[in-house]
PDB file of N, CA and C in Angstrom:
ATOM      1  N   MET A   1     174.101 158.890 129.123  1.00  0.00           N
ATOM      2  CA  MET A   1     173.540 160.028 129.227  1.00  0.00           C
ATOM      3  C   MET A   1     172.196 159.593 129.646  1.00  0.00           C
ATOM      4  N   VAL A   2     171.802 160.919 130.736  1.00  0.00           N
ATOM      5  CA  VAL A   2     170.438 160.508 131.433  1.00  0.00           C
ATOM      6  C   VAL A   2     169.509 161.593 130.321  1.00  0.00           C
ATOM      7  N   LYS A   3     168.651 160.352 129.953  1.00  0.00           N
ATOM      8  CA  LYS A   3     167.480 160.929 129.587  1.00  0.00           C
ATOM      9  C   LYS A   3     166.708 161.983 129.871  1.00  0.00           C
ATOM     10  N   SER A   4     166.460 163.261 129.225  1.00  0.00           N
ATOM     11  CA  SER A   4     166.112 164.558 129.473  1.00  0.00           C
ATOM     12  C   SER A   4     164.972 165.047 128.615  1.00  0.00           C
ATOM     13  N   THR A   5     164.824 166.288 128.080  1.00  0.00           N
ATOM     14  CA  THR A   5     164.572 167.777 127.784  1.00  0.00           C
ATOM     15  C   THR A   5     165.600 167.779 127.178  1.00  0.00           C
ATOM     16  N   PRO A   6     166.197 167.781 125.365  1.00  0.00           N
ATOM     17  CA  PRO A   6     167.487 168.473 125.646  1.00  0.00           C
ATOM     18  C   PRO A   6     166.644 169.722 125.550  1.00  0.00           C
ATOM     19  N   VAL A   7     168.245 171.168 125.970  1.00  0.00           N
ATOM     20  CA  VAL A   7     168.021 172.220 125.739  1.00  0.00           C
ATOM     21  C   VAL A   7     167.731 172.581 124.378  1.00  0.00           C
ATOM     22  N   THR A   8     168.550 172.632 123.706  1.00  0.00           N
ATOM     23  CA  THR A   8     168.401 173.042 122.472  1.00  0.00           C
ATOM     24  C   THR A   8     168.884 171.624 120.961  1.00  0.00           C
ATOM     25  N   THR A   9     168.299 171.560 120.174  1.00  0.00           N
ATOM     26  CA  THR A   9     168.792 170.926 118.673  1.00  0.00           C
ATOM     27  C   THR A   9     169.554 172.021 118.295  1.00  0.00           C
ATOM     28  N   TYR A  10     170.671 171.221 117.643  1.00  0.00           N
ATOM     29  CA  TYR A  10     171.357 171.600 116.468  1.00  0.00           C
ATOM     30  C   TYR A  10     172.019 170.596 115.337  1.00  0.00           C
ATOM     31  N   HIS A  11     171.138 171.071 114.675  1.00  0.00           N
ATOM     32  CA  HIS A  11     171.446 169.883 113.002  1.00  0.00           C
ATOM     33  C   HIS A  11     170.914 168.847 113.227  1.00  0.00           C
ATOM     34  N   ALA A  12     169.612 168.656 114.203  1.00  0.00           N
ATOM     35  CA  ALA A  12     169.700 167.709 115.070  1.00  0.00           C
ATOM     36  C   ALA A  12     169.697 166.381 115.439  1.00  0.00           C
ATOM     37  N   ILE A  13     170.442 166.850 115.865  1.00  0.00           N
ATOM     38  CA  ILE A  13     171.428 166.469 117.126  1.00  0.00           C
ATOM     39  C   ILE A  13     170.883 167.444 118.707  1.00  0.00           C
ATOM     40  N   PRO A  14     170.279 166.424 119.572  1.00  0.00           N
ATOM     41  CA  PRO A  14     169.991 167.069 120.909  1.00  0.00           C
ATOM     42  C   PRO A  14     171.230 167.561 121.648  1.00  0.00           C
ATOM     43  N   ILE A  15     171.225 168.567 122.025  1.00  0.00           N
ATOM     44  CA  ILE A  15     172.178 168.933 123.289  1.00  0.00           C
ATOM     45  C   ILE A  15     171.822 169.435 124.554  1.00  0.00           C
ATOM     46  N   TYR A  16     172.205 168.153 125.803  1.00  0.00           N
ATOM     47  CA  TYR A  16     170.881 168.303 126.958  1.00  0.00           C
ATOM     48  C   TYR A  16     172.286 169.049 127.949  1.00  0.00           C
ATOM     49  N   LEU A  17     171.625 169.461 129.189  1.00  0.00           N
ATOM     50  CA  LEU A  17     171.761 170.015 130.372  1.00  0.00           C
ATOM     51  C   LEU A  17     172.414 169.422 131.276  1.00  0.00           C
ATOM     52  N   LYS A  18     173.277 169.170 131.553  1.00  0.00           N
ATOM     53  CA  LYS A  18     173.391 167.566 132.834  1.00  0.00           C
ATOM     54  C   LYS A  18     174.284 168.103 133.880  1.00  0.00           C
ATOM     55  N   PRO A  19     173.964 168.019 134.936  1.00  0.00           N
ATOM     56  CA  PRO A  19     174.966 168.120 136.315  1.00  0.00           C
ATOM     57  C   PRO A  19     176.208 167.575 136.002  1.00  0.00           C
ATOM     58  N   PHE A  20     177.765 167.966 136.953  1.00  0.00           N
ATOM     59  CA  PHE A  20     179.073 166.672 136.907  1.00  0.00           C
ATOM     60  C   PHE A  20     179.278 166.915 138.255  1.00  0.00           C
ATOM     61  N   LYS A  21     179.306 165.839 138.694  1.00  0.00           N
ATOM     62  CA  LYS A  21     179.132 165.090 139.824  1.00  0.00           C
ATOM     63  C   LYS A  21     180.317 165.142 140.320  1.00  0.00           C
ATOM     64  N   ARG A  22     181.717 165.314 140.251  1.00  0.00           N
ATOM     65  CA  ARG A  22     182.297 165.699 141.184  1.00  0.00           C
ATOM     66  C   ARG A  22     182.441 167.149 141.388  1.00  0.00           C
ATOM     67  N   LYS A  23     181.753 168.018 139.936  1.00  0.00           N
ATOM     68  CA  LYS A  23     182.448 169.531 141.068  1.00  0.00           C
ATOM     69  C   LYS A  23     180.724 170.085 140.885  1.00  0.00           C
ATOM     70  N   SER A  24     180.407 171.279 141.541  1.00  0.00           N
ATOM     71  CA  SER A  24     179.491 171.928 140.945  1.00  0.00           C
ATOM     72  C   SER A  24     179.190 172.570 139.514  1.00  0.00           C
ATOM     73  N   GLU A  25     179.534 171.441 138.950  1.00  0.00           N
ATOM     74  CA  GLU A  25     179.365 172.177 137.347  1.00  0.00           C
ATOM     75  C   GLU A  25     178.150 171.707 136.560  1.00  0.00           C
ATOM     76  N   MET A  26     178.067 172.218 135.651  1.00  0.00           N
ATOM     77  CA  MET A  26     176.831 171.582 134.827  1.00  0.00           C
ATOM     78  C   MET A  26     177.524 172.320 133.149  1.00  0.00           C
ATOM     79  N   TRP A  27     177.214 170.822 132.294  1.00  0.00           N
ATOM     80  CA  TRP A  27     177.560 171.178 131.025  1.00  0.00           C
ATOM     81  C   TRP A  27     176.753 170.641 130.208  1.00  0.00           C
ATOM     82  N   LEU A  28     177.296 170.811 129.030  1.00  0.00           N
ATOM     83  CA  LEU A  28     176.093 171.261 127.612  1.00  0.00           C
ATOM     84  C   LEU A  28     176.787 169.415 126.897  1.00  0.00           C
ATOM     85  N   GLN A  29     175.706 168.502 127.146  1.00  0.00           N
ATOM     86  CA  GLN A  29     176.240 167.016 126.472  1.00  0.00           C
ATOM     87  C   GLN A  29     175.488 166.270 125.134  1.00  0.00           C
ATOM     88  N   TRP A  30     176.175 165.912 124.139  1.00  0.00           N
ATOM     89  CA  TRP A  30     175.129 165.615 123.110  1.00  0.00           C
ATOM     90  C   TRP A  30     175.926 164.245 122.781  1.00  0.00           C
ATOM     91  N   THR A  31     175.379 163.326 122.129  1.00  0.00           N
ATOM     92  CA  THR A  31     176.130 161.945 121.470  1.00  0.00           C
ATOM     93  C   THR A  31     176.095 161.757 119.709  1.00  0.00           C
ATOM     94  N   TYR A  32     177.062 161.663 119.287  1.00  0.00           N
ATOM     95  CA  TYR A  32     176.814 161.774 117.933  1.00  0.00           C
ATOM     96  C   TYR A  32     177.522 160.790 117.225  1.00  0.00           C
ATOM     97  N   GLU A  33     176.962 159.271 117.086  1.00  0.00           N
ATOM     98  CA  GLU A  33     177.196 157.896 116.083  1.00  0.00           C
ATOM     99  C   GLU A  33     177.803 157.351 117.313  1.00  0.00           C
ATOM    100  N   GLY A  34     177.556 157.760 118.359  1.00  0.00           N
ATOM    101  CA  GLY A  34     178.191 156.421 119.578  1.00  0.00           C
ATOM    102  C   GLY A  34     179.146 157.608 120.319  1.00  0.00           C
ATOM    103  N   ILE A  35     179.507 158.549 120.089  1.00  0.00           N
ATOM    104  CA  ILE A  35     179.879 158.868 121.014  1.00  0.00           C
ATOM    105  C   ILE A  35     179.786 160.201 121.452  1.00  0.00           C
ATOM    106  N   GLN A  36     180.175 160.270 122.889  1.00  0.00           N
ATOM    107  CA  GLN A  36     179.091 161.902 123.727  1.00  0.00           C
ATOM    108  C   GLN A  36     180.632 162.405 123.387  1.00  0.00           C
ATOM    109  N   TYR A  37     180.264 163.810 124.398  1.00  0.00           N
ATOM    110  CA  TYR A  37     180.350 165.751 123.232  1.00  0.00           C
ATOM    111  C   TYR A  37     180.314 166.264 124.283  1.00  0.00           C
ATOM    112  N   GLY A  38     180.982 167.185 125.482  1.00  0.00           N
ATOM    113  CA  GLY A  38     180.839 167.872 126.219  1.00  0.00           C
ATOM    114  C   GLY A  38     181.355 169.271 125.904  1.00  0.00           C
ATOM    115  N   VAL A  39     180.934 170.464 126.835  1.00  0.00           N
ATOM    116  CA  VAL A  39     181.109 171.655 126.726  1.00  0.00           C
ATOM    117  C   VAL A  39     180.304 172.022 127.796  1.00  0.00           C
ATOM    118  N   ARG A  40     181.465 172.844 129.088  1.00  0.00           N
ATOM    119  CA  ARG A  40     181.186 173.576 130.381  1.00  0.00           C
ATOM    120  C   ARG A  40     180.244 174.076 130.484  1.00  0.00           C
ATOM    121  N   VAL A  41     179.762 174.348 131.302  1.00  0.00           N
ATOM    122  CA  VAL A  41     178.844 175.749 131.182  1.00  0.00           C
ATOM    123  C   VAL A  41     178.924 176.663 132.267  1.00  0.00           C
ATOM    124  N   SER A  42     179.773 177.869 132.338  1.00  0.00           N
ATOM    125  CA  SER A  42     180.066 179.224 132.800  1.00  0.00           C
ATOM    126  C   SER A  42     179.345 179.988 132.595  1.00  0.00           C
ATOM    127  N   ASN A  43     178.664 180.144 131.270  1.00  0.00           N
ATOM    128  CA  ASN A  43     177.842 181.116 130.641  1.00  0.00           C
ATOM    129  C   ASN A  43     176.753 180.600 129.680  1.00  0.00           C
ATOM    130  N   MET A  44     175.824 179.973 130.022  1.00  0.00           N
ATOM    131  CA  MET A  44     174.976 179.257 128.870  1.00  0.00           C
ATOM    132  C   MET A  44     175.167 180.210 127.575  1.00  0.00           C
ATOM    133  N   GLY A  45     174.793 181.081 127.132  1.00  0.00           N
ATOM    134  CA  GLY A  45     175.016 181.337 125.661  1.00  0.00           C
ATOM    135  C   GLY A  45     176.439 181.230 124.918  1.00  0.00           C
ATOM    136  N   GLN A  46     177.582 180.995 125.618  1.00  0.00           N
ATOM    137  CA  GLN A  46     178.591 180.903 125.425  1.00  0.00           C
ATOM    138  C   GLN A  46     179.166 179.744 125.323  1.00  0.00           C
ATOM    139  N   ALA A  47     178.239 178.960 126.376  1.00  0.00           N
ATOM    140  CA  ALA A  47     178.530 177.297 126.019  1.00  0.00           C
ATOM    141  C   ALA A  47     177.609 176.937 124.693  1.00  0.00           C
ATOM    142  N   LEU A  48     176.130 177.087 124.701  1.00  0.00           N
ATOM    143  CA  LEU A  48     176.044 177.094 123.506  1.00  0.00           C
ATOM    144  C   LEU A  48     176.312 177.421 122.525  1.00  0.00           C
ATOM    145  N   TYR A  49     176.796 178.257 121.958  1.00  0.00           N
ATOM    146  CA  TYR A  49     178.005 179.159 121.017  1.00  0.00           C
ATOM    147  C   TYR A  49     178.907 177.802 120.707  1.00  0.00           C
ATOM    148  N   ASN A  50     179.606 177.910 121.779  1.00  0.00           N
ATOM    149  CA  ASN A  50     181.067 176.933 121.642  1.00  0.00           C
ATOM    150  C   ASN A  50     180.180 174.990 121.296  1.00  0.00           C
ATOM    151  N   ALA A  51     178.918 174.721 121.869  1.00  0.00           N
ATOM    152  CA  ALA A  51     178.165 173.561 121.189  1.00  0.00           C
ATOM    153  C   ALA A  51     178.021 173.265 119.531  1.00  0.00           C
ATOM    154  N   GLN A  52     177.432 174.668 119.211  1.00  0.00           N
ATOM    155  CA  GLN A  52     177.517 174.618 117.621  1.00  0.00           C
ATOM    156  C   GLN A  52     178.984 174.414 116.794  1.00  0.00           C
ATOM    157  N   GLN A  53     179.578 175.289 117.251  1.00  0.00           N
ATOM    158  CA  GLN A  53     180.722 175.657 117.119  1.00  0.00           C
ATOM    159  C   GLN A  53     181.574 173.816 116.643  1.00  0.00           C
ATOM    160  N   MET A  54     181.792 173.336 117.465  1.00  0.00           N
ATOM    161  CA  MET A  54     182.070 171.734 117.708  1.00  0.00           C
ATOM    162  C   MET A  54     181.110 171.114 116.923  1.00  0.00           C
ATOM    163  N   ILE A  55     180.053 170.872 116.706  1.00  0.00           N
ATOM    164  CA  ILE A  55     178.752 170.594 116.311  1.00  0.00           C
ATOM    165  C   ILE A  55     179.386 170.286 114.565  1.00  0.00           C
ATOM    166  N   ASP A  56     179.951 171.760 114.163  1.00  0.00           N
ATOM    167  CA  ASP A  56     179.813 172.186 112.635  1.00  0.00           C
ATOM    168  C   ASP A  56     181.555 171.692 112.570  1.00  0.00           C
ATOM    169  N   ALA A  57     182.386 172.030 113.343  1.00  0.00           N
ATOM    170  CA  ALA A  57     183.479 171.286 112.799  1.00  0.00           C
ATOM    171  C   ALA A  57     183.872 169.921 113.068  1.00  0.00           C
ATOM    172  N   MET A  58     182.799 168.931 113.920  1.00  0.00           N
ATOM    173  CA  MET A  58     182.702 167.674 113.828  1.00  0.00           C
ATOM    174  C   MET A  58     182.056 167.155 112.687  1.00  0.00           C
ATOM    175  N   LEU A  59     181.268 167.805 112.161  1.00  0.00           N
ATOM    176  CA  LEU A  59     180.298 167.863 110.475  1.00  0.00           C
ATOM    177  C   LEU A  59     181.336 167.515 109.386  1.00  0.00           C
ATOM    178  N   GLU A  60     182.127 169.038 109.773  1.00  0.00           N
ATOM    179  CA  GLU A  60     182.933 169.285 108.222  1.00  0.00           C
ATOM    180  C   GLU A  60     184.270 168.422 108.628  1.00  0.00           C
ATOM    181  N   LEU A  61     184.630 167.560 109.759  1.00  0.00           N
ATOM    182  CA  LEU A  61     185.527 166.581 108.829  1.00  0.00           C
ATOM    183  C   LEU A  61     184.589 165.599 108.559  1.00  0.00           C
ATOM    184  N   GLU A  62     183.402 165.286 109.407  1.00  0.00           N
ATOM    185  CA  GLU A  62     183.132 163.333 108.839  1.00  0.00           C
ATOM    186  C   GLU A  62     182.733 164.150 107.336  1.00  0.00           C
ATOM    187  N   ALA A  63     181.951 165.471 106.953  1.00  0.00           N
ATOM    188  CA  ALA A  63     182.245 165.153 105.509  1.00  0.00           C
ATOM    189  C   ALA A  63     183.638 165.134 104.690  1.00  0.00           C
ATOM    190  N   LYS A  64     184.032 165.801 104.943  1.00  0.00           N
ATOM    191  CA  LYS A  64     185.386 165.889 104.115  1.00  0.00           C
ATOM    192  C   LYS A  64     186.428 163.922 104.256  1.00  0.00           C
ATOM    193  N   SER A  65     186.033 163.624 105.484  1.00  0.00           N
ATOM    194  CA  SER A  65     186.349 161.984 105.085  1.00  0.00           C
ATOM    195  C   SER A  65     185.582 161.159 103.965  1.00  0.00           C
ATOM    196  N   TYR A  66     184.032 161.839 103.442  1.00  0.00           N
ATOM    197  CA  TYR A  66     183.582 160.740 103.055  1.00  0.00           C
ATOM    198  C   TYR A  66     183.800 161.325 102.150  1.00  0.00           C
ATOM    199  N   LYS A  67     184.013 162.301 101.372  1.00  0.00           N
ATOM    200  CA  LYS A  67     184.890 163.002 100.621  1.00  0.00           C
ATOM    201  C   LYS A  67     186.110 161.989 100.285  1.00  0.00           C
ATOM    202  N   ALA A  68     187.096 162.104 100.694  1.00  0.00           N
ATOM    203  CA  ALA A  68     187.910 161.860 100.472  1.00  0.00           C
ATOM    204  C   ALA A  68     188.022 159.921 100.337  1.00  0.00           C
ATOM    205  N   MET A  69     187.358 159.727 100.832  1.00  0.00           N
ATOM    206  CA  MET A  69     187.195 158.019 100.482  1.00  0.00           C
ATOM    207  C   MET A  69     186.266 157.875  99.323  1.00  0.00           C
ATOM    208  N   SER A  70     185.672 159.032  99.029  1.00  0.00           N
ATOM    209  CA  SER A  70     185.143 158.481  97.616  1.00  0.00           C
ATOM    210  C   SER A  70     185.806 158.610  96.100  1.00  0.00           C
ATOM    211  N   PHE A  71     186.917 158.455  96.386  1.00  0.00           N
ATOM    212  CA  PHE A  71     187.795 159.225  95.256  1.00  0.00           C
ATOM    213  C   PHE A  71     189.065 157.782  94.945  1.00  0.00           C
TER     214      PHE A  71
END
């Protein structure tokens, strides 16, 4: 991922705005534990909301997996 200033940070995860090369689209992208995630931007507010929802779901699944492994 290209290093730049993040658009925002959510749960200590920086979210970047990045152009998509094949089409003239913009994406919000972030990396968590070596995996890249992204949301297409058509409306910045909606894209930020979608990114936050994806991060919440990702962190919730991670927490559930750690809890399951502790039994």
